[in-house]
Amino acid sequence: MNRRFGKNDILLLGILAVVILVFYVGMTSALRSGDSIIITVNGSEYGRYSLSENKEIPIKIDGKVTNIVTIENGTAYMLEADCPDQLCMHQNAISKDKESIICLPNRVVVTVESEQKNTLDDVAG
């Protein structure tokens, strides 16, 4: 039984290789710890804060504190929010690269950023 690879076999192996590569890249970037958080309000950067320093960050919009972000033990979470649904307060603490907490009514976004570059991004350029 000498069977050679056909076009469909090669196509299947190629698709499988791409799926494995995408899964690997997704898992490695998801596991990368972040170094800092970026807080944006209404699309504008409000501030950058290191995850290595424990602190509470009051976010003021029009002179009023609307949200309080807490950094504790290398993670960040929304401690307080004056929005009606308070969904942002129920989101898990974030610490990995590209994770975020979003308070839609107040237009506040907290995103974790890593200083390590993704090698695939460097190649793609």
PDB file of N, CA and C in Angstrom:
ATOM      1  N   MET A   1       0.822  -1.172   0.000  1.00  0.00           N
ATOM      2  CA  MET A   1       0.000   0.000   0.000  1.00  0.00           C
ATOM      3  C   MET A   1       0.872   1.244   0.000  1.00  0.00           C
ATOM      4  N   ASN A   2       1.363   1.611  -1.116  1.00  0.00           N
ATOM      5  CA  ASN A   2       2.152   2.831  -1.260  1.00  0.00           C
ATOM      6  C   ASN A   2       1.229   3.971  -1.656  1.00  0.00           C
ATOM      7  N   ARG A   3       0.909   4.788  -0.694  1.00  0.00           N
ATOM      8  CA  ARG A   3       0.040   5.921  -0.973  1.00  0.00           C
ATOM      9  C   ARG A   3       0.839   7.198  -0.788  1.00  0.00           C
ATOM     10  N   ARG A   4       0.770   8.069  -1.741  1.00  0.00           N
ATOM     11  CA  ARG A   4       1.476   9.344  -1.656  1.00  0.00           C
ATOM     12  C   ARG A   4       0.511  10.423  -1.183  1.00  0.00           C
ATOM     13  N   PHE A   5       1.107  11.491  -0.707  1.00  0.00           N
ATOM     14  CA  PHE A   5       0.283  12.617  -0.290  1.00  0.00           C
ATOM     15  C   PHE A   5      -0.378  13.241  -1.504  1.00  0.00           C
ATOM     16  N   GLY A   6      -1.662  13.479  -1.395  1.00  0.00           N
ATOM     17  CA  GLY A   6      -2.395  14.173  -2.444  1.00  0.00           C
ATOM     18  C   GLY A   6      -2.554  15.642  -2.092  1.00  0.00           C
ATOM     19  N   LYS A   7      -3.203  16.388  -2.981  1.00  0.00           N
ATOM     20  CA  LYS A   7      -3.408  17.820  -2.756  1.00  0.00           C
ATOM     21  C   LYS A   7      -4.246  18.066  -1.500  1.00  0.00           C
ATOM     22  N   ASN A   8      -5.253  17.242  -1.291  1.00  0.00           N
ATOM     23  CA  ASN A   8      -6.109  17.417  -0.112  1.00  0.00           C
ATOM     24  C   ASN A   8      -5.351  17.152   1.186  1.00  0.00           C
ATOM     25  N   ASP A   9      -4.445  16.183   1.172  1.00  0.00           N
ATOM     26  CA  ASP A   9      -3.642  15.894   2.364  1.00  0.00           C
ATOM     27  C   ASP A   9      -2.738  17.076   2.710  1.00  0.00           C
ATOM     28  N   ILE A  10      -2.111  17.643   1.707  1.00  0.00           N
ATOM     29  CA  ILE A  10      -1.215  18.787   1.919  1.00  0.00           C
ATOM     30  C   ILE A  10      -2.020  19.997   2.399  1.00  0.00           C
ATOM     31  N   LEU A  11      -3.199  20.200   1.810  1.00  0.00           N
ATOM     32  CA  LEU A  11      -4.059  21.301   2.229  1.00  0.00           C
ATOM     33  C   LEU A  11      -4.484  21.137   3.686  1.00  0.00           C
ATOM     34  N   LEU A  12      -4.858  19.934   4.060  1.00  0.00           N
ATOM     35  CA  LEU A  12      -5.254  19.659   5.441  1.00  0.00           C
ATOM     36  C   LEU A  12      -4.103  19.908   6.414  1.00  0.00           C
ATOM     37  N   LEU A  13      -2.902  19.479   6.063  1.00  0.00           N
ATOM     38  CA  LEU A  13      -1.734  19.717   6.918  1.00  0.00           C
ATOM     39  C   LEU A  13      -1.432  21.211   7.042  1.00  0.00           C
ATOM     40  N   GLY A  14      -1.586  21.943   5.948  1.00  0.00           N
ATOM     41  CA  GLY A  14      -1.356  23.387   5.978  1.00  0.00           C
ATOM     42  C   GLY A  14      -2.340  24.099   6.882  1.00  0.00           C
ATOM     43  N   ILE A  15      -3.617  23.733   6.777  1.00  0.00           N
ATOM     44  CA  ILE A  15      -4.640  24.338   7.626  1.00  0.00           C
ATOM     45  C   ILE A  15      -4.381  24.002   9.088  1.00  0.00           C
ATOM     46  N   LEU A  16      -4.026  22.764   9.353  1.00  0.00           N
ATOM     47  CA  LEU A  16      -3.722  22.340  10.720  1.00  0.00           C
ATOM     48  C   LEU A  16      -2.535  23.123  11.288  1.00  0.00           C
ATOM     49  N   ALA A  17      -1.506  23.346  10.477  1.00  0.00           N
ATOM     50  CA  ALA A  17      -0.337  24.104  10.927  1.00  0.00           C
ATOM     51  C   ALA A  17      -0.714  25.548  11.261  1.00  0.00           C
ATOM     52  N   VAL A  18      -1.565  26.161  10.443  1.00  0.00           N
ATOM     53  CA  VAL A  18      -1.992  27.538  10.697  1.00  0.00           C
ATOM     54  C   VAL A  18      -2.815  27.614  11.982  1.00  0.00           C
ATOM     55  N   VAL A  19      -3.713  26.666  12.186  1.00  0.00           N
ATOM     56  CA  VAL A  19      -4.534  26.653  13.401  1.00  0.00           C
ATOM     57  C   VAL A  19      -3.655  26.510  14.640  1.00  0.00           C
ATOM     58  N   ILE A  20      -2.675  25.631  14.583  1.00  0.00           N
ATOM     59  CA  ILE A  20      -1.764  25.439  15.718  1.00  0.00           C
ATOM     60  C   ILE A  20      -0.962  26.712  15.981  1.00  0.00           C
ATOM     61  N   LEU A  21      -0.484  27.366  14.928  1.00  0.00           N
ATOM     62  CA  LEU A  21       0.286  28.598  15.078  1.00  0.00           C
ATOM     63  C   LEU A  21      -0.567  29.706  15.711  1.00  0.00           C
ATOM     64  N   VAL A  22      -1.791  29.865  15.231  1.00  0.00           N
ATOM     65  CA  VAL A  22      -2.681  30.889  15.787  1.00  0.00           C
ATOM     66  C   VAL A  22      -2.973  30.596  17.258  1.00  0.00           C
ATOM     67  N   PHE A  23      -3.228  29.356  17.583  1.00  0.00           N
ATOM     68  CA  PHE A  23      -3.489  28.965  18.972  1.00  0.00           C
ATOM     69  C   PHE A  23      -2.269  29.259  19.844  1.00  0.00           C
ATOM     70  N   TYR A  24      -1.081  28.912  19.373  1.00  0.00           N
ATOM     71  CA  TYR A  24       0.152  29.134  20.132  1.00  0.00           C
ATOM     72  C   TYR A  24       0.385  30.630  20.385  1.00  0.00           C
ATOM     73  N   VAL A  25       0.242  31.438  19.344  1.00  0.00           N
ATOM     74  CA  VAL A  25       0.456  32.879  19.490  1.00  0.00           C
ATOM     75  C   VAL A  25      -0.585  33.471  20.441  1.00  0.00           C
ATOM     76  N   GLY A  26      -1.824  33.040  20.317  1.00  0.00           N
ATOM     77  CA  GLY A  26      -2.874  33.532  21.205  1.00  0.00           C
ATOM     78  C   GLY A  26      -2.611  33.183  22.653  1.00  0.00           C
ATOM     79  N   MET A  27      -2.173  31.966  22.896  1.00  0.00           N
ATOM     80  CA  MET A  27      -1.912  31.537  24.270  1.00  0.00           C
ATOM     81  C   MET A  27      -0.702  32.252  24.860  1.00  0.00           C
ATOM     82  N   THR A  28       0.357  32.426  24.088  1.00  0.00           N
ATOM     83  CA  THR A  28       1.544  33.076  24.637  1.00  0.00           C
ATOM     84  C   THR A  28       1.296  34.549  24.909  1.00  0.00           C
ATOM     85  N   SER A  29       0.531  35.228  24.054  1.00  0.00           N
ATOM     86  CA  SER A  29       0.263  36.641  24.325  1.00  0.00           C
ATOM     87  C   SER A  29      -0.724  36.794  25.473  1.00  0.00           C
ATOM     88  N   ALA A  30      -1.632  35.855  25.631  1.00  0.00           N
ATOM     89  CA  ALA A  30      -2.599  35.930  26.723  1.00  0.00           C
ATOM     90  C   ALA A  30      -1.933  35.680  28.072  1.00  0.00           C
ATOM     91  N   LEU A  31      -0.842  34.953  28.076  1.00  0.00           N
ATOM     92  CA  LEU A  31      -0.174  34.620  29.327  1.00  0.00           C
ATOM     93  C   LEU A  31       0.881  35.645  29.736  1.00  0.00           C
ATOM     94  N   ARG A  32       1.178  36.602  28.868  1.00  0.00           N
ATOM     95  CA  ARG A  32       2.214  37.586  29.157  1.00  0.00           C
ATOM     96  C   ARG A  32       1.701  38.582  30.196  1.00  0.00           C
ATOM     97  N   SER A  33       2.425  38.732  31.272  1.00  0.00           N
ATOM     98  CA  SER A  33       2.031  39.676  32.318  1.00  0.00           C
ATOM     99  C   SER A  33       2.244  41.100  31.844  1.00  0.00           C
ATOM    100  N   GLY A  34       1.375  41.973  32.294  1.00  0.00           N
ATOM    101  CA  GLY A  34       1.499  43.371  31.934  1.00  0.00           C
ATOM    102  C   GLY A  34       2.376  44.121  32.916  1.00  0.00           C
ATOM    103  N   ASP A  35       2.873  45.269  32.473  1.00  0.00           N
ATOM    104  CA  ASP A  35       3.733  46.104  33.302  1.00  0.00           C
ATOM    105  C   ASP A  35       3.000  47.333  33.831  1.00  0.00           C
ATOM    106  N   SER A  36       2.005  47.794  33.070  1.00  0.00           N
ATOM    107  CA  SER A  36       1.314  49.020  33.449  1.00  0.00           C
ATOM    108  C   SER A  36      -0.113  49.003  32.918  1.00  0.00           C
ATOM    109  N   ILE A  37      -0.901  49.967  33.393  1.00  0.00           N
ATOM    110  CA  ILE A  37      -2.242  50.147  32.851  1.00  0.00           C
ATOM    111  C   ILE A  37      -2.325  51.525  32.211  1.00  0.00           C
ATOM    112  N   ILE A  38      -3.159  51.605  31.200  1.00  0.00           N
ATOM    113  CA  ILE A  38      -3.461  52.879  30.562  1.00  0.00           C
ATOM    114  C   ILE A  38      -4.946  53.135  30.790  1.00  0.00           C
ATOM    115  N   ILE A  39      -5.262  54.292  31.331  1.00  0.00           N
ATOM    116  CA  ILE A  39      -6.655  54.672  31.540  1.00  0.00           C
ATOM    117  C   ILE A  39      -7.007  55.728  30.501  1.00  0.00           C
ATOM    118  N   THR A  40      -8.084  55.466  29.759  1.00  0.00           N
ATOM    119  CA  THR A  40      -8.575  56.457  28.810  1.00  0.00           C
ATOM    120  C   THR A  40      -9.994  56.851  29.203  1.00  0.00           C
ATOM    121  N   VAL A  41     -10.293  58.126  29.001  1.00  0.00           N
ATOM    122  CA  VAL A  41     -11.630  58.659  29.268  1.00  0.00           C
ATOM    123  C   VAL A  41     -12.103  59.341  27.995  1.00  0.00           C
ATOM    124  N   ASN A  42     -13.209  58.869  27.469  1.00  0.00           N
ATOM    125  CA  ASN A  42     -13.787  59.411  26.241  1.00  0.00           C
ATOM    126  C   ASN A  42     -12.776  59.407  25.092  1.00  0.00           C
ATOM    127  N   GLY A  43     -11.946  58.369  25.034  1.00  0.00           N
ATOM    128  CA  GLY A  43     -10.983  58.201  23.950  1.00  0.00           C
ATOM    129  C   GLY A  43      -9.658  58.915  24.146  1.00  0.00           C
ATOM    130  N   SER A  44      -9.532  59.741  25.173  1.00  0.00           N
ATOM    131  CA  SER A  44      -8.281  60.458  25.438  1.00  0.00           C
ATOM    132  C   SER A  44      -7.568  59.819  26.620  1.00  0.00           C
ATOM    133  N   GLU A  45      -6.239  59.766  26.522  1.00  0.00           N
ATOM    134  CA  GLU A  45      -5.470  59.154  27.607  1.00  0.00           C
ATOM    135  C   GLU A  45      -5.577  59.996  28.873  1.00  0.00           C
ATOM    136  N   TYR A  46      -5.966  59.343  29.952  1.00  0.00           N
ATOM    137  CA  TYR A  46      -6.104  59.989  31.260  1.00  0.00           C
ATOM    138  C   TYR A  46      -4.822  59.829  32.065  1.00  0.00           C
ATOM    139  N   GLY A  47      -4.181  58.643  31.943  1.00  0.00           N
ATOM    140  CA  GLY A  47      -2.939  58.408  32.663  1.00  0.00           C
ATOM    141  C   GLY A  47      -2.416  57.001  32.470  1.00  0.00           C
ATOM    142  N   ARG A  48      -1.123  56.833  32.785  1.00  0.00           N
ATOM    143  CA  ARG A  48      -0.452  55.527  32.761  1.00  0.00           C
ATOM    144  C   ARG A  48       0.089  55.278  34.158  1.00  0.00           C
ATOM    145  N   TYR A  49      -0.112  54.040  34.626  1.00  0.00           N
ATOM    146  CA  TYR A  49       0.286  53.715  35.991  1.00  0.00           C
ATOM    147  C   TYR A  49       0.928  52.337  36.023  1.00  0.00           C
ATOM    148  N   SER A  50       1.989  52.206  36.793  1.00  0.00           N
ATOM    149  CA  SER A  50       2.692  50.935  36.934  1.00  0.00           C
ATOM    150  C   SER A  50       1.868  49.964  37.768  1.00  0.00           C
ATOM    151  N   LEU A  51       1.869  48.703  37.353  1.00  0.00           N
ATOM    152  CA  LEU A  51       1.184  47.668  38.131  1.00  0.00           C
ATOM    153  C   LEU A  51       2.005  47.234  39.342  1.00  0.00           C
ATOM    154  N   SER A  52       3.251  47.691  39.431  1.00  0.00           N
ATOM    155  CA  SER A  52       4.106  47.276  40.544  1.00  0.00           C
ATOM    156  C   SER A  52       3.909  48.148  41.790  1.00  0.00           C
ATOM    157  N   GLU A  53       3.161  49.236  41.661  1.00  0.00           N
ATOM    158  CA  GLU A  53       2.946  50.144  42.791  1.00  0.00           C
ATOM    159  C   GLU A  53       1.464  50.148  43.181  1.00  0.00           C
ATOM    160  N   ASN A  54       1.168  49.703  44.399  1.00  0.00           N
ATOM    161  CA  ASN A  54      -0.218  49.688  44.878  1.00  0.00           C
ATOM    162  C   ASN A  54      -0.723  51.115  45.055  1.00  0.00           C
ATOM    163  N   LYS A  55      -1.909  51.399  44.502  1.00  0.00           N
ATOM    164  CA  LYS A  55      -2.495  52.735  44.652  1.00  0.00           C
ATOM    165  C   LYS A  55      -3.948  52.730  44.217  1.00  0.00           C
ATOM    166  N   GLU A  56      -4.664  53.750  44.652  1.00  0.00           N
ATOM    167  CA  GLU A  56      -6.029  54.003  44.195  1.00  0.00           C
ATOM    168  C   GLU A  56      -5.993  55.229  43.297  1.00  0.00           C
ATOM    169  N   ILE A  57      -6.650  55.129  42.146  1.00  0.00           N
ATOM    170  CA  ILE A  57      -6.634  56.213  41.169  1.00  0.00           C
ATOM    171  C   ILE A  57      -8.059  56.734  40.986  1.00  0.00           C
ATOM    172  N   PRO A  58      -8.353  57.914  41.527  1.00  0.00           N
ATOM    173  CA  PRO A  58      -9.674  58.496  41.276  1.00  0.00           C
ATOM    174  C   PRO A  58      -9.716  59.087  39.867  1.00  0.00           C
ATOM    175  N   ILE A  59     -10.779  58.802  39.147  1.00  0.00           N
ATOM    176  CA  ILE A  59     -10.945  59.328  37.792  1.00  0.00           C
ATOM    177  C   ILE A  59     -12.011  60.411  37.852  1.00  0.00           C
ATOM    178  N   LYS A  60     -11.587  61.629  37.526  1.00  0.00           N
ATOM    179  CA  LYS A  60     -12.496  62.770  37.584  1.00  0.00           C
ATOM    180  C   LYS A  60     -12.957  63.138  36.179  1.00  0.00           C
ATOM    181  N   ILE A  61     -14.263  63.277  36.040  1.00  0.00           N
ATOM    182  CA  ILE A  61     -14.853  63.753  34.791  1.00  0.00           C
ATOM    183  C   ILE A  61     -15.691  64.975  35.143  1.00  0.00           C
ATOM    184  N   ASP A  62     -15.383  66.099  34.517  1.00  0.00           N
ATOM    185  CA  ASP A  62     -16.059  67.377  34.801  1.00  0.00           C
ATOM    186  C   ASP A  62     -15.991  67.734  36.284  1.00  0.00           C
ATOM    187  N   GLY A  63     -14.825  67.494  36.893  1.00  0.00           N
ATOM    188  CA  GLY A  63     -14.594  67.856  38.283  1.00  0.00           C
ATOM    189  C   GLY A  63     -15.184  66.910  39.312  1.00  0.00           C
ATOM    190  N   LYS A  64     -15.826  65.847  38.864  1.00  0.00           N
ATOM    191  CA  LYS A  64     -16.472  64.903  39.777  1.00  0.00           C
ATOM    192  C   LYS A  64     -15.814  63.533  39.636  1.00  0.00           C
ATOM    193  N   VAL A  65     -15.526  62.876  40.762  1.00  0.00           N
ATOM    194  CA  VAL A  65     -14.956  61.529  40.720  1.00  0.00           C
ATOM    195  C   VAL A  65     -16.057  60.560  40.296  1.00  0.00           C
ATOM    196  N   THR A  66     -15.854  59.914  39.146  1.00  0.00           N
ATOM    197  CA  THR A  66     -16.858  58.979  38.629  1.00  0.00           C
ATOM    198  C   THR A  66     -16.451  57.525  38.832  1.00  0.00           C
ATOM    199  N   ASN A  67     -15.154  57.270  38.816  1.00  0.00           N
ATOM    200  CA  ASN A  67     -14.648  55.905  38.966  1.00  0.00           C
ATOM    201  C   ASN A  67     -13.401  55.935  39.833  1.00  0.00           C
ATOM    202  N   ILE A  68     -13.137  54.819  40.505  1.00  0.00           N
ATOM    203  CA  ILE A  68     -11.881  54.643  41.230  1.00  0.00           C
ATOM    204  C   ILE A  68     -11.296  53.305  40.812  1.00  0.00           C
ATOM    205  N   VAL A  69     -10.085  53.357  40.252  1.00  0.00           N
ATOM    206  CA  VAL A  69      -9.355  52.153  39.856  1.00  0.00           C
ATOM    207  C   VAL A  69      -8.336  51.859  40.944  1.00  0.00           C
ATOM    208  N   THR A  70      -8.242  50.597  41.341  1.00  0.00           N
ATOM    209  CA  THR A  70      -7.283  50.187  42.360  1.00  0.00           C
ATOM    210  C   THR A  70      -6.250  49.261  41.745  1.00  0.00           C
ATOM    211  N   ILE A  71      -4.974  49.556  42.024  1.00  0.00           N
ATOM    212  CA  ILE A  71      -3.877  48.661  41.653  1.00  0.00           C
ATOM    213  C   ILE A  71      -3.401  48.014  42.941  1.00  0.00           C
ATOM    214  N   GLU A  72      -3.398  46.680  42.938  1.00  0.00           N
ATOM    215  CA  GLU A  72      -3.054  45.949  44.151  1.00  0.00           C
ATOM    216  C   GLU A  72      -2.399  44.625  43.772  1.00  0.00           C
ATOM    217  N   ASN A  73      -1.198  44.404  44.269  1.00  0.00           N
ATOM    218  CA  ASN A  73      -0.464  43.148  44.043  1.00  0.00           C
ATOM    219  C   ASN A  73      -0.352  42.787  42.567  1.00  0.00           C
ATOM    220  N   GLY A  74      -0.073  43.777  41.727  1.00  0.00           N
ATOM    221  CA  GLY A  74       0.146  43.522  40.303  1.00  0.00           C
ATOM    222  C   GLY A  74      -1.111  43.362  39.477  1.00  0.00           C
ATOM    223  N   THR A  75      -2.274  43.638  40.065  1.00  0.00           N
ATOM    224  CA  THR A  75      -3.530  43.578  39.316  1.00  0.00           C
ATOM    225  C   THR A  75      -4.276  44.901  39.472  1.00  0.00           C
ATOM    226  N   ALA A  76      -5.188  45.154  38.539  1.00  0.00           N
ATOM    227  CA  ALA A  76      -6.004  46.364  38.601  1.00  0.00           C
ATOM    228  C   ALA A  76      -7.474  45.974  38.521  1.00  0.00           C
ATOM    229  N   TYR A  77      -8.287  46.690  39.286  1.00  0.00           N
ATOM    230  CA  TYR A  77      -9.724  46.448  39.236  1.00  0.00           C
ATOM    231  C   TYR A  77     -10.464  47.752  39.515  1.00  0.00           C
ATOM    232  N   MET A  78     -11.737  47.781  39.144  1.00  0.00           N
ATOM    233  CA  MET A  78     -12.570  48.958  39.362  1.00  0.00           C
ATOM    234  C   MET A  78     -13.184  48.857  40.755  1.00  0.00           C
ATOM    235  N   LEU A  79     -12.749  49.716  41.654  1.00  0.00           N
ATOM    236  CA  LEU A  79     -13.234  49.696  43.037  1.00  0.00           C
ATOM    237  C   LEU A  79     -14.612  50.347  43.155  1.00  0.00           C
ATOM    238  N   GLU A  80     -14.770  51.502  42.513  1.00  0.00           N
ATOM    239  CA  GLU A  80     -16.038  52.227  42.585  1.00  0.00           C
ATOM    240  C   GLU A  80     -16.380  52.806  41.223  1.00  0.00           C
ATOM    241  N   ALA A  81     -17.685  52.924  40.980  1.00  0.00           N
ATOM    242  CA  ALA A  81     -18.180  53.570  39.766  1.00  0.00           C
ATOM    243  C   ALA A  81     -19.560  54.133  40.057  1.00  0.00           C
ATOM    244  N   ASP A  82     -19.834  55.327  39.536  1.00  0.00           N
ATOM    245  CA  ASP A  82     -21.147  55.917  39.788  1.00  0.00           C
ATOM    246  C   ASP A  82     -22.143  55.644  38.662  1.00  0.00           C
ATOM    247  N   CYS A  83     -21.791  54.762  37.745  1.00  0.00           N
ATOM    248  CA  CYS A  83     -22.697  54.425  36.644  1.00  0.00           C
ATOM    249  C   CYS A  83     -23.856  53.566  37.167  1.00  0.00           C
ATOM    250  N   PRO A  84     -24.991  53.569  36.475  1.00  0.00           N
ATOM    251  CA  PRO A  84     -26.166  52.857  36.993  1.00  0.00           C
ATOM    252  C   PRO A  84     -26.021  51.334  37.046  1.00  0.00           C
ATOM    253  N   ASP A  85     -25.366  50.722  36.065  1.00  0.00           N
ATOM    254  CA  ASP A  85     -25.302  49.252  36.043  1.00  0.00           C
ATOM    255  C   ASP A  85     -24.130  48.678  36.831  1.00  0.00           C
ATOM    256  N   GLN A  86     -23.066  49.421  36.979  1.00  0.00           N
ATOM    257  CA  GLN A  86     -21.859  49.026  37.715  1.00  0.00           C
ATOM    258  C   GLN A  86     -21.275  47.687  37.250  1.00  0.00           C
ATOM    259  N   LEU A  87     -21.419  47.391  35.973  1.00  0.00           N
ATOM    260  CA  LEU A  87     -20.846  46.157  35.425  1.00  0.00           C
ATOM    261  C   LEU A  87     -19.325  46.154  35.516  1.00  0.00           C
ATOM    262  N   CYS A  88     -18.718  47.326  35.386  1.00  0.00           N
ATOM    263  CA  CYS A  88     -17.257  47.403  35.433  1.00  0.00           C
ATOM    264  C   CYS A  88     -16.717  46.947  36.784  1.00  0.00           C
ATOM    265  N   MET A  89     -17.477  47.148  37.836  1.00  0.00           N
ATOM    266  CA  MET A  89     -17.035  46.743  39.170  1.00  0.00           C
ATOM    267  C   MET A  89     -17.093  45.227  39.357  1.00  0.00           C
ATOM    268  N   HIS A  90     -17.870  44.562  38.542  1.00  0.00           N
ATOM    269  CA  HIS A  90     -18.015  43.111  38.662  1.00  0.00           C
ATOM    270  C   HIS A  90     -17.076  42.343  37.736  1.00  0.00           C
ATOM    271  N   GLN A  91     -16.289  43.057  36.926  1.00  0.00           N
ATOM    272  CA  GLN A  91     -15.317  42.389  36.066  1.00  0.00           C
ATOM    273  C   GLN A  91     -14.131  41.943  36.917  1.00  0.00           C
ATOM    274  N   ASN A  92     -13.508  40.856  36.495  1.00  0.00           N
ATOM    275  CA  ASN A  92     -12.343  40.336  37.219  1.00  0.00           C
ATOM    276  C   ASN A  92     -11.188  41.324  37.158  1.00  0.00           C
ATOM    277  N   ALA A  93     -10.301  41.227  38.126  1.00  0.00           N
ATOM    278  CA  ALA A  93      -9.084  42.036  38.124  1.00  0.00           C
ATOM    279  C   ALA A  93      -8.253  41.668  36.903  1.00  0.00           C
ATOM    280  N   ILE A  94      -7.542  42.647  36.356  1.00  0.00           N
ATOM    281  CA  ILE A  94      -6.747  42.433  35.149  1.00  0.00           C
ATOM    282  C   ILE A  94      -5.262  42.570  35.464  1.00  0.00           C
ATOM    283  N   SER A  95      -4.440  41.762  34.767  1.00  0.00           N
ATOM    284  CA  SER A  95      -2.990  41.831  34.961  1.00  0.00           C
ATOM    285  C   SER A  95      -2.219  41.376  33.727  1.00  0.00           C
ATOM    286  N   LYS A  96      -2.891  40.800  32.755  1.00  0.00           N
ATOM    287  CA  LYS A  96      -2.234  40.266  31.558  1.00  0.00           C
ATOM    288  C   LYS A  96      -2.331  41.265  30.409  1.00  0.00           C
ATOM    289  N   ASP A  97      -1.352  41.218  29.523  1.00  0.00           N
ATOM    290  CA  ASP A  97      -1.276  42.113  28.377  1.00  0.00           C
ATOM    291  C   ASP A  97      -2.577  42.096  27.576  1.00  0.00           C
ATOM    292  N   LYS A  98      -3.079  43.262  27.268  1.00  0.00           N
ATOM    293  CA  LYS A  98      -4.281  43.492  26.451  1.00  0.00           C
ATOM    294  C   LYS A  98      -5.604  43.242  27.171  1.00  0.00           C
ATOM    295  N   GLU A  99      -5.601  42.844  28.434  1.00  0.00           N
ATOM    296  CA  GLU A  99      -6.855  42.719  29.172  1.00  0.00           C
ATOM    297  C   GLU A  99      -7.395  44.123  29.455  1.00  0.00           C
ATOM    298  N   SER A 100      -8.719  44.227  29.603  1.00  0.00           N
ATOM    299  CA  SER A 100      -9.283  45.548  29.854  1.00  0.00           C
ATOM    300  C   SER A 100     -10.536  45.471  30.720  1.00  0.00           C
ATOM    301  N   ILE A 101     -10.824  46.595  31.344  1.00  0.00           N
ATOM    302  CA  ILE A 101     -12.068  46.821  32.072  1.00  0.00           C
ATOM    303  C   ILE A 101     -12.695  48.052  31.430  1.00  0.00           C
ATOM    304  N   ILE A 102     -13.984  47.958  31.129  1.00  0.00           N
ATOM    305  CA  ILE A 102     -14.654  49.043  30.426  1.00  0.00           C
ATOM    306  C   ILE A 102     -15.881  49.488  31.213  1.00  0.00           C
ATOM    307  N   CYS A 103     -15.965  50.786  31.449  1.00  0.00           N
ATOM    308  CA  CYS A 103     -17.159  51.400  32.038  1.00  0.00           C
ATOM    309  C   CYS A 103     -17.805  52.208  30.918  1.00  0.00           C
ATOM    310  N   LEU A 104     -18.758  51.613  30.251  1.00  0.00           N
ATOM    311  CA  LEU A 104     -19.354  52.229  29.074  1.00  0.00           C
ATOM    312  C   LEU A 104     -20.108  53.528  29.378  1.00  0.00           C
ATOM    313  N   PRO A 105     -20.934  53.585  30.424  1.00  0.00           N
ATOM    314  CA  PRO A 105     -21.656  54.844  30.676  1.00  0.00           C
ATOM    315  C   PRO A 105     -20.724  56.041  30.917  1.00  0.00           C
ATOM    316  N   ASN A 106     -19.601  55.811  31.599  1.00  0.00           N
ATOM    317  CA  ASN A 106     -18.658  56.901  31.879  1.00  0.00           C
ATOM    318  C   ASN A 106     -17.558  57.011  30.830  1.00  0.00           C
ATOM    319  N   ARG A 107     -17.543  56.095  29.873  1.00  0.00           N
ATOM    320  CA  ARG A 107     -16.547  56.061  28.790  1.00  0.00           C
ATOM    321  C   ARG A 107     -15.120  55.946  29.327  1.00  0.00           C
ATOM    322  N   VAL A 108     -14.965  55.091  30.331  1.00  0.00           N
ATOM    323  CA  VAL A 108     -13.660  54.842  30.941  1.00  0.00           C
ATOM    324  C   VAL A 108     -13.187  53.459  30.520  1.00  0.00           C
ATOM    325  N   VAL A 109     -11.946  53.389  30.028  1.00  0.00           N
ATOM    326  CA  VAL A 109     -11.351  52.113  29.632  1.00  0.00           C
ATOM    327  C   VAL A 109     -10.007  51.974  30.338  1.00  0.00           C
ATOM    328  N   VAL A 110      -9.810  50.837  30.992  1.00  0.00           N
ATOM    329  CA  VAL A 110      -8.547  50.524  31.659  1.00  0.00           C
ATOM    330  C   VAL A 110      -7.955  49.327  30.928  1.00  0.00           C
ATOM    331  N   THR A 111      -6.760  49.482  30.360  1.00  0.00           N
ATOM    332  CA  THR A 111      -6.135  48.428  29.567  1.00  0.00           C
ATOM    333  C   THR A 111      -4.738  48.141  30.094  1.00  0.00           C
ATOM    334  N   VAL A 112      -4.402  46.858  30.184  1.00  0.00           N
ATOM    335  CA  VAL A 112      -3.061  46.452  30.612  1.00  0.00           C
ATOM    336  C   VAL A 112      -2.138  46.473  29.402  1.00  0.00           C
ATOM    337  N   GLU A 113      -0.930  46.958  29.623  1.00  0.00           N
ATOM    338  CA  GLU A 113       0.072  47.009  28.559  1.00  0.00           C
ATOM    339  C   GLU A 113       1.362  46.381  29.056  1.00  0.00           C
ATOM    340  N   SER A 114       2.001  45.619  28.172  1.00  0.00           N
ATOM    341  CA  SER A 114       3.282  45.007  28.478  1.00  0.00           C
ATOM    342  C   SER A 114       4.367  45.728  27.697  1.00  0.00           C
ATOM    343  N   GLU A 115       5.523  45.879  28.306  1.00  0.00           N
ATOM    344  CA  GLU A 115       6.640  46.504  27.602  1.00  0.00           C
ATOM    345  C   GLU A 115       7.314  45.536  26.650  1.00  0.00           C
ATOM    346  N   GLN A 116       7.068  44.236  26.830  1.00  0.00           N
ATOM    347  CA  GLN A 116       7.643  43.238  25.936  1.00  0.00           C
ATOM    348  C   GLN A 116       6.939  43.308  24.599  1.00  0.00           C
ATOM    349  N   LYS A 117       7.712  43.263  23.536  1.00  0.00           N
ATOM    350  CA  LYS A 117       7.156  43.295  22.193  1.00  0.00           C
ATOM    351  C   LYS A 117       6.808  41.888  21.749  1.00  0.00           C
ATOM    352  N   ASN A 118       5.743  41.774  20.966  1.00  0.00           N
ATOM    353  CA  ASN A 118       5.381  40.504  20.347  1.00  0.00           C
ATOM    354  C   ASN A 118       6.258  40.336  19.116  1.00  0.00           C
ATOM    355  N   THR A 119       7.016  39.262  19.035  1.00  0.00           N
ATOM    356  CA  THR A 119       7.962  39.088  17.939  1.00  0.00           C
ATOM    357  C   THR A 119       7.267  39.027  16.591  1.00  0.00           C
ATOM    358  N   LEU A 120       6.051  38.516  16.518  1.00  0.00           N
ATOM    359  CA  LEU A 120       5.342  38.482  15.242  1.00  0.00           C
ATOM    360  C   LEU A 120       4.980  39.887  14.790  1.00  0.00           C
ATOM    361  N   ASP A 121       4.648  40.788  15.722  1.00  0.00           N
ATOM    362  CA  ASP A 121       4.366  42.163  15.358  1.00  0.00           C
ATOM    363  C   ASP A 121       5.616  42.843  14.816  1.00  0.00           C
ATOM    364  N   ASP A 122       6.772  42.538  15.395  1.00  0.00           N
ATOM    365  CA  ASP A 122       8.014  43.124  14.921  1.00  0.00           C
ATOM    366  C   ASP A 122       8.318  42.696  13.497  1.00  0.00           C
ATOM    367  N   VAL A 123       8.063  41.439  13.168  1.00  0.00           N
ATOM    368  CA  VAL A 123       8.335  40.935  11.825  1.00  0.00           C
ATOM    369  C   VAL A 123       7.359  41.541  10.832  1.00  0.00           C
ATOM    370  N   ALA A 124       6.075  41.634  11.216  1.00  0.00           N
ATOM    371  CA  ALA A 124       5.053  42.147  10.308  1.00  0.00           C
ATOM    372  C   ALA A 124       5.230  43.643  10.062  1.00  0.00           C
ATOM    373  N   GLY A 125       5.825  44.323  11.027  1.00  0.00           N
ATOM    374  CA  GLY A 125       6.220  45.644  10.905  1.00  0.00           C
ATOM    375  C   GLY A 125       5.417  46.792  10.831  1.00  0.00           C
TER     376      GLY A 125
END
